[in-house]
PDB file of N, CA and C in Angstrom:
ATOM      1  N   MET A   1      15.004  23.098   3.590  1.00  0.00           N
ATOM      2  CA  MET A   1      16.472  23.576   3.691  1.00  0.00           C
ATOM      3  C   MET A   1      17.303  22.987   4.926  1.00  0.00           C
ATOM      4  N   SER A   2      18.257  22.198   4.983  1.00  0.00           N
ATOM      5  CA  SER A   2      18.761  21.809   6.087  1.00  0.00           C
ATOM      6  C   SER A   2      19.837  22.549   6.811  1.00  0.00           C
ATOM      7  N   HIS A   3      19.478  22.924   7.952  1.00  0.00           N
ATOM      8  CA  HIS A   3      21.138  23.683   8.254  1.00  0.00           C
ATOM      9  C   HIS A   3      22.152  23.186   9.176  1.00  0.00           C
ATOM     10  N   LYS A   4      23.416  23.077   8.545  1.00  0.00           N
ATOM     11  CA  LYS A   4      24.390  22.426   8.942  1.00  0.00           C
ATOM     12  C   LYS A   4      25.309  23.162  10.144  1.00  0.00           C
ATOM     13  N   PRO A   5      25.521  22.919  11.340  1.00  0.00           N
ATOM     14  CA  PRO A   5      26.200  24.145  11.899  1.00  0.00           C
ATOM     15  C   PRO A   5      27.681  24.566  11.591  1.00  0.00           C
ATOM     16  N   ASN A   6      27.955  25.631  11.267  1.00  0.00           N
ATOM     17  CA  ASN A   6      29.233  26.042  11.122  1.00  0.00           C
ATOM     18  C   ASN A   6      30.738  25.343  12.090  1.00  0.00           C
ATOM     19  N   ASP A   7      31.502  24.707  11.509  1.00  0.00           N
ATOM     20  CA  ASP A   7      32.654  24.077  12.248  1.00  0.00           C
ATOM     21  C   ASP A   7      33.072  25.219  13.267  1.00  0.00           C
ATOM     22  N   SER A   8      33.094  26.781  12.959  1.00  0.00           N
ATOM     23  CA  SER A   8      33.731  27.234  13.861  1.00  0.00           C
ATOM     24  C   SER A   8      32.526  27.402  15.394  1.00  0.00           C
ATOM     25  N   GLN A   9      31.590  27.166  14.717  1.00  0.00           N
ATOM     26  CA  GLN A   9      30.875  26.973  16.142  1.00  0.00           C
ATOM     27  C   GLN A   9      30.474  25.548  16.997  1.00  0.00           C
ATOM     28  N   HIS A  10      30.935  24.828  16.260  1.00  0.00           N
ATOM     29  CA  HIS A  10      30.526  23.524  16.761  1.00  0.00           C
ATOM     30  C   HIS A  10      32.288  22.615  16.918  1.00  0.00           C
ATOM     31  N   HIS A  11      32.121  22.501  18.757  1.00  0.00           N
ATOM     32  CA  HIS A  11      33.038  22.043  18.938  1.00  0.00           C
ATOM     33  C   HIS A  11      32.573  20.859  19.830  1.00  0.00           C
ATOM     34  N   GLU A  12      33.682  19.823  19.789  1.00  0.00           N
ATOM     35  CA  GLU A  12      33.565  19.002  20.631  1.00  0.00           C
ATOM     36  C   GLU A  12      35.006  18.356  21.405  1.00  0.00           C
ATOM     37  N   THR A  13      34.468  18.474  22.631  1.00  0.00           N
ATOM     38  CA  THR A  13      35.826  18.368  23.711  1.00  0.00           C
ATOM     39  C   THR A  13      36.178  16.887  23.829  1.00  0.00           C
ATOM     40  N   ALA A  14      37.157  16.608  23.756  1.00  0.00           N
ATOM     41  CA  ALA A  14      37.444  15.178  24.608  1.00  0.00           C
ATOM     42  C   ALA A  14      37.387  14.886  26.115  1.00  0.00           C
ATOM     43  N   PRO A  15      36.819  13.928  26.130  1.00  0.00           N
ATOM     44  CA  PRO A  15      37.099  13.434  27.618  1.00  0.00           C
ATOM     45  C   PRO A  15      38.470  13.627  28.209  1.00  0.00           C
ATOM     46  N   PRO A  16      38.492  14.139  29.526  1.00  0.00           N
ATOM     47  CA  PRO A  16      39.710  14.481  30.079  1.00  0.00           C
ATOM     48  C   PRO A  16      40.508  12.955  30.352  1.00  0.00           C
ATOM     49  N   ALA A  17      41.695  12.961  29.950  1.00  0.00           N
ATOM     50  CA  ALA A  17      42.598  12.161  29.946  1.00  0.00           C
ATOM     51  C   ALA A  17      42.846  11.256  31.347  1.00  0.00           C
ATOM     52  N   THR A  18      42.403  10.099  31.488  1.00  0.00           N
ATOM     53  CA  THR A  18      43.121   9.310  32.785  1.00  0.00           C
ATOM     54  C   THR A  18      44.434   8.765  32.841  1.00  0.00           C
ATOM     55  N   PRO A  19      44.958   9.527  33.488  1.00  0.00           N
ATOM     56  CA  PRO A  19      46.472   8.865  33.644  1.00  0.00           C
ATOM     57  C   PRO A  19      46.890   7.235  33.676  1.00  0.00           C
ATOM     58  N   GLU A  20      47.454   7.052  32.584  1.00  0.00           N
ATOM     59  CA  GLU A  20      47.726   5.405  33.008  1.00  0.00           C
ATOM     60  C   GLU A  20      48.550   5.082  34.056  1.00  0.00           C
ATOM     61  N   PRO A  21      48.161   3.768  35.160  1.00  0.00           N
ATOM     62  CA  PRO A  21      49.455   3.923  36.194  1.00  0.00           C
ATOM     63  C   PRO A  21      50.348   3.450  35.278  1.00  0.00           C
ATOM     64  N   GLN A  22      51.577   3.155  36.186  1.00  0.00           N
ATOM     65  CA  GLN A  22      52.817   2.907  35.531  1.00  0.00           C
ATOM     66  C   GLN A  22      53.107   1.151  35.587  1.00  0.00           C
ATOM     67  N   SER A  23      53.168   0.720  34.207  1.00  0.00           N
ATOM     68  CA  SER A  23      53.360  -0.952  34.474  1.00  0.00           C
ATOM     69  C   SER A  23      54.586  -1.277  34.853  1.00  0.00           C
ATOM     70  N   ALA A  24      55.450  -0.800  35.524  1.00  0.00           N
ATOM     71  CA  ALA A  24      56.090  -1.511  36.398  1.00  0.00           C
ATOM     72  C   ALA A  24      55.940  -1.388  38.047  1.00  0.00           C
ATOM     73  N   HIS A  25      55.119  -0.374  38.278  1.00  0.00           N
ATOM     74  CA  HIS A  25      54.376  -0.197  39.339  1.00  0.00           C
ATOM     75  C   HIS A  25      53.268  -1.843  39.547  1.00  0.00           C
ATOM     76  N   ASN A  26      52.511  -1.878  38.283  1.00  0.00           N
ATOM     77  CA  ASN A  26      51.188  -2.520  38.059  1.00  0.00           C
ATOM     78  C   ASN A  26      51.950  -4.165  38.591  1.00  0.00           C
ATOM     79  N   ASP A  27      53.146  -4.192  37.625  1.00  0.00           N
ATOM     80  CA  ASP A  27      53.783  -5.222  37.405  1.00  0.00           C
ATOM     81  C   ASP A  27      54.090  -6.156  39.131  1.00  0.00           C
ATOM     82  N   ALA A  28      55.028  -4.694  39.781  1.00  0.00           N
ATOM     83  CA  ALA A  28      55.445  -4.926  41.339  1.00  0.00           C
ATOM     84  C   ALA A  28      53.873  -5.375  42.295  1.00  0.00           C
ATOM     85  N   ALA A  29      52.545  -4.719  41.610  1.00  0.00           N
ATOM     86  CA  ALA A  29      51.567  -5.408  42.603  1.00  0.00           C
ATOM     87  C   ALA A  29      51.022  -6.464  42.705  1.00  0.00           C
ATOM     88  N   LEU A  30      51.184  -6.572  40.921  1.00  0.00           N
ATOM     89  CA  LEU A  30      50.424  -7.893  40.781  1.00  0.00           C
ATOM     90  C   LEU A  30      51.336  -9.142  41.494  1.00  0.00           C
ATOM     91  N   ASN A  31      53.130  -8.853  41.444  1.00  0.00           N
ATOM     92  CA  ASN A  31      53.624  -9.652  42.140  1.00  0.00           C
ATOM     93  C   ASN A  31      53.732  -9.960  43.730  1.00  0.00           C
ATOM     94  N   ARG A  32      53.377  -8.791  44.365  1.00  0.00           N
ATOM     95  CA  ARG A  32      52.757  -8.638  45.553  1.00  0.00           C
ATOM     96  C   ARG A  32      51.384  -9.410  46.042  1.00  0.00           C
ATOM     97  N   ILE A  33      50.505  -9.028  45.261  1.00  0.00           N
ATOM     98  CA  ILE A  33      49.458 -10.213  45.241  1.00  0.00           C
ATOM     99  C   ILE A  33      49.348 -11.290  45.180  1.00  0.00           C
ATOM    100  N   GLY A  34      50.321 -12.015  44.278  1.00  0.00           N
ATOM    101  CA  GLY A  34      50.482 -12.880  44.249  1.00  0.00           C
ATOM    102  C   GLY A  34      51.145 -13.443  45.420  1.00  0.00           C
ATOM    103  N   ASP A  35      52.590 -13.276  45.599  1.00  0.00           N
ATOM    104  CA  ASP A  35      52.878 -13.650  46.777  1.00  0.00           C
ATOM    105  C   ASP A  35      51.785 -13.713  48.257  1.00  0.00           C
ATOM    106  N   ALA A  36      51.045 -12.813  48.290  1.00  0.00           N
ATOM    107  CA  ALA A  36      49.742 -13.141  49.438  1.00  0.00           C
ATOM    108  C   ALA A  36      49.064 -14.295  49.030  1.00  0.00           C
ATOM    109  N   LEU A  37      48.568 -14.394  47.904  1.00  0.00           N
ATOM    110  CA  LEU A  37      47.800 -15.563  47.621  1.00  0.00           C
ATOM    111  C   LEU A  37      48.635 -16.805  47.957  1.00  0.00           C
ATOM    112  N   ARG A  38      50.179 -17.333  47.449  1.00  0.00           N
ATOM    113  CA  ARG A  38      50.593 -18.125  47.884  1.00  0.00           C
ATOM    114  C   ARG A  38      50.571 -18.869  49.118  1.00  0.00           C
ATOM    115  N   GLY A  39      50.044 -20.200  48.986  1.00  0.00           N
ATOM    116  CA  GLY A  39      50.212 -20.448  50.440  1.00  0.00           C
ATOM    117  C   GLY A  39      48.991 -20.696  51.406  1.00  0.00           C
ATOM    118  N   LEU A  40      47.953 -19.678  51.151  1.00  0.00           N
ATOM    119  CA  LEU A  40      46.688 -18.949  51.506  1.00  0.00           C
ATOM    120  C   LEU A  40      45.671 -20.144  51.419  1.00  0.00           C
ATOM    121  N   ARG A  41      45.393 -20.810  52.230  1.00  0.00           N
ATOM    122  CA  ARG A  41      44.307 -21.915  52.706  1.00  0.00           C
ATOM    123  C   ARG A  41      42.994 -21.711  53.017  1.00  0.00           C
ATOM    124  N   TYR A  42      42.560 -20.862  54.183  1.00  0.00           N
ATOM    125  CA  TYR A  42      41.657 -19.962  54.237  1.00  0.00           C
ATOM    126  C   TYR A  42      41.894 -18.366  54.312  1.00  0.00           C
ATOM    127  N   GLY A  43      41.262 -17.817  53.834  1.00  0.00           N
ATOM    128  CA  GLY A  43      41.271 -16.043  54.071  1.00  0.00           C
ATOM    129  C   GLY A  43      41.201 -15.447  53.056  1.00  0.00           C
ATOM    130  N   THR A  44      41.387 -14.047  52.979  1.00  0.00           N
ATOM    131  CA  THR A  44      41.590 -13.058  52.153  1.00  0.00           C
ATOM    132  C   THR A  44      42.553 -12.682  51.504  1.00  0.00           C
ATOM    133  N   VAL A  45      42.806 -12.001  50.762  1.00  0.00           N
ATOM    134  CA  VAL A  45      43.696 -11.197  50.149  1.00  0.00           C
ATOM    135  C   VAL A  45      42.677  -9.652  49.272  1.00  0.00           C
ATOM    136  N   LEU A  46      43.087  -8.814  49.972  1.00  0.00           N
ATOM    137  CA  LEU A  46      42.232  -7.469  49.265  1.00  0.00           C
ATOM    138  C   LEU A  46      43.575  -6.807  49.354  1.00  0.00           C
ATOM    139  N   ALA A  47      43.056  -5.862  48.261  1.00  0.00           N
ATOM    140  CA  ALA A  47      43.925  -4.904  47.146  1.00  0.00           C
ATOM    141  C   ALA A  47      43.257  -3.403  47.229  1.00  0.00           C
ATOM    142  N   ILE A  48      44.144  -2.637  48.136  1.00  0.00           N
ATOM    143  CA  ILE A  48      43.275  -1.133  47.952  1.00  0.00           C
ATOM    144  C   ILE A  48      43.728  -0.391  46.909  1.00  0.00           C
ATOM    145  N   VAL A  49      42.903  -0.024  45.978  1.00  0.00           N
ATOM    146  CA  VAL A  49      43.569   1.162  44.934  1.00  0.00           C
ATOM    147  C   VAL A  49      43.026   2.254  45.305  1.00  0.00           C
ATOM    148  N   GLN A  50      43.941   3.334  44.929  1.00  0.00           N
ATOM    149  CA  GLN A  50      43.810   5.178  44.743  1.00  0.00           C
ATOM    150  C   GLN A  50      44.015   5.312  43.227  1.00  0.00           C
ATOM    151  N   ASP A  51      43.307   6.054  42.556  1.00  0.00           N
ATOM    152  CA  ASP A  51      43.771   6.892  41.309  1.00  0.00           C
ATOM    153  C   ASP A  51      44.060   5.796  40.314  1.00  0.00           C
ATOM    154  N   GLY A  52      43.494   4.112  40.569  1.00  0.00           N
ATOM    155  CA  GLY A  52      44.047   3.429  39.556  1.00  0.00           C
ATOM    156  C   GLY A  52      45.344   2.967  40.015  1.00  0.00           C
ATOM    157  N   VAL A  53      45.569   2.979  40.846  1.00  0.00           N
ATOM    158  CA  VAL A  53      47.241   2.466  41.401  1.00  0.00           C
ATOM    159  C   VAL A  53      46.973   1.956  42.750  1.00  0.00           C
ATOM    160  N   VAL A  54      47.513   0.689  42.931  1.00  0.00           N
ATOM    161  CA  VAL A  54      47.513  -0.135  43.617  1.00  0.00           C
ATOM    162  C   VAL A  54      48.190   0.191  45.376  1.00  0.00           C
ATOM    163  N   VAL A  55      47.715   0.747  46.290  1.00  0.00           N
ATOM    164  CA  VAL A  55      48.432   1.496  47.158  1.00  0.00           C
ATOM    165  C   VAL A  55      48.309   0.708  48.293  1.00  0.00           C
ATOM    166  N   GLN A  56      47.913  -0.669  48.786  1.00  0.00           N
ATOM    167  CA  GLN A  56      47.783  -1.319  49.778  1.00  0.00           C
ATOM    168  C   GLN A  56      47.326  -2.803  49.404  1.00  0.00           C
ATOM    169  N   ILE A  57      47.570  -3.872  50.396  1.00  0.00           N
ATOM    170  CA  ILE A  57      47.180  -5.095  49.886  1.00  0.00           C
ATOM    171  C   ILE A  57      47.294  -5.671  51.405  1.00  0.00           C
ATOM    172  N   GLU A  58      46.385  -6.218  51.534  1.00  0.00           N
ATOM    173  CA  GLU A  58      46.001  -6.710  52.496  1.00  0.00           C
ATOM    174  C   GLU A  58      45.822  -8.019  53.003  1.00  0.00           C
ATOM    175  N   ARG A  59      46.396  -9.158  53.599  1.00  0.00           N
ATOM    176  CA  ARG A  59      46.159 -10.492  53.732  1.00  0.00           C
ATOM    177  C   ARG A  59      45.712 -10.750  55.161  1.00  0.00           C
ATOM    178  N   THR A  60      44.697 -11.661  55.313  1.00  0.00           N
ATOM    179  CA  THR A  60      43.719 -12.314  56.586  1.00  0.00           C
ATOM    180  C   THR A  60      43.844 -13.774  56.349  1.00  0.00           C
ATOM    181  N   GLU A  61      44.722 -14.440  56.963  1.00  0.00           N
ATOM    182  CA  GLU A  61      44.771 -15.816  57.403  1.00  0.00           C
ATOM    183  C   GLU A  61      43.893 -16.631  58.301  1.00  0.00           C
ATOM    184  N   LYS A  62      42.945 -17.000  58.119  1.00  0.00           N
ATOM    185  CA  LYS A  62      42.168 -17.772  58.943  1.00  0.00           C
ATOM    186  C   LYS A  62      42.897 -19.271  59.204  1.00  0.00           C
ATOM    187  N   THR A  63      42.764 -19.426  60.257  1.00  0.00           N
ATOM    188  CA  THR A  63      43.340 -21.074  60.879  1.00  0.00           C
ATOM    189  C   THR A  63      41.923 -21.987  61.241  1.00  0.00           C
ATOM    190  N   ARG A  64      41.860 -22.897  60.420  1.00  0.00           N
ATOM    191  CA  ARG A  64      40.580 -23.913  61.227  1.00  0.00           C
ATOM    192  C   ARG A  64      40.938 -25.084  62.094  1.00  0.00           C
ATOM    193  N   LEU A  65      40.324 -25.043  63.172  1.00  0.00           N
ATOM    194  CA  LEU A  65      40.843 -25.777  64.199  1.00  0.00           C
ATOM    195  C   LEU A  65      39.489 -27.048  63.648  1.00  0.00           C
ATOM    196  N   VAL A  66      40.482 -28.149  63.995  1.00  0.00           N
ATOM    197  CA  VAL A  66      39.537 -29.220  63.800  1.00  0.00           C
ATOM    198  C   VAL A  66      39.274 -29.831  65.231  1.00  0.00           C
ATOM    199  N   LYS A  67      37.715 -30.223  65.585  1.00  0.00           N
ATOM    200  CA  LYS A  67      36.871 -30.283  66.681  1.00  0.00           C
ATOM    201  C   LYS A  67      37.819 -31.809  67.015  1.00  0.00           C
ATOM    202  N   ALA A  68      37.998 -32.163  68.166  1.00  0.00           N
ATOM    203  CA  ALA A  68      38.651 -33.343  68.964  1.00  0.00           C
ATOM    204  C   ALA A  68      36.919 -33.868  69.208  1.00  0.00           C
ATOM    205  N   ASP A  69      37.457 -35.223  69.465  1.00  0.00           N
ATOM    206  CA  ASP A  69      36.379 -36.178  69.772  1.00  0.00           C
ATOM    207  C   ASP A  69      36.086 -35.896  71.379  1.00  0.00           C
ATOM    208  N   ARG A  70      35.429 -36.028  71.891  1.00  0.00           N
ATOM    209  CA  ARG A  70      35.470 -36.059  73.203  1.00  0.00           C
ATOM    210  C   ARG A  70      34.418 -37.322  73.437  1.00  0.00           C
ATOM    211  N   SER A  71      35.471 -38.332  73.868  1.00  0.00           N
ATOM    212  CA  SER A  71      34.675 -39.954  74.602  1.00  0.00           C
ATOM    213  C   SER A  71      34.800 -40.203  75.824  1.00  0.00           C
TER     214      SER A  71
END
């Protein structure tokens, strides 16, 4: 004899919904990241994300110096 749980006793709870970041904010953040990458030859672009939202973008540019020949 199989026993099925009574519907009133069996409850499934959905995981808490994570808020979707606003697409306009995402578009603006992606544009700013693209701007930071544009023209960058050597360096890094870092996006800081909190709660699924880009809150800060850092750009570090390195300048490579050519070693001069000493004759």
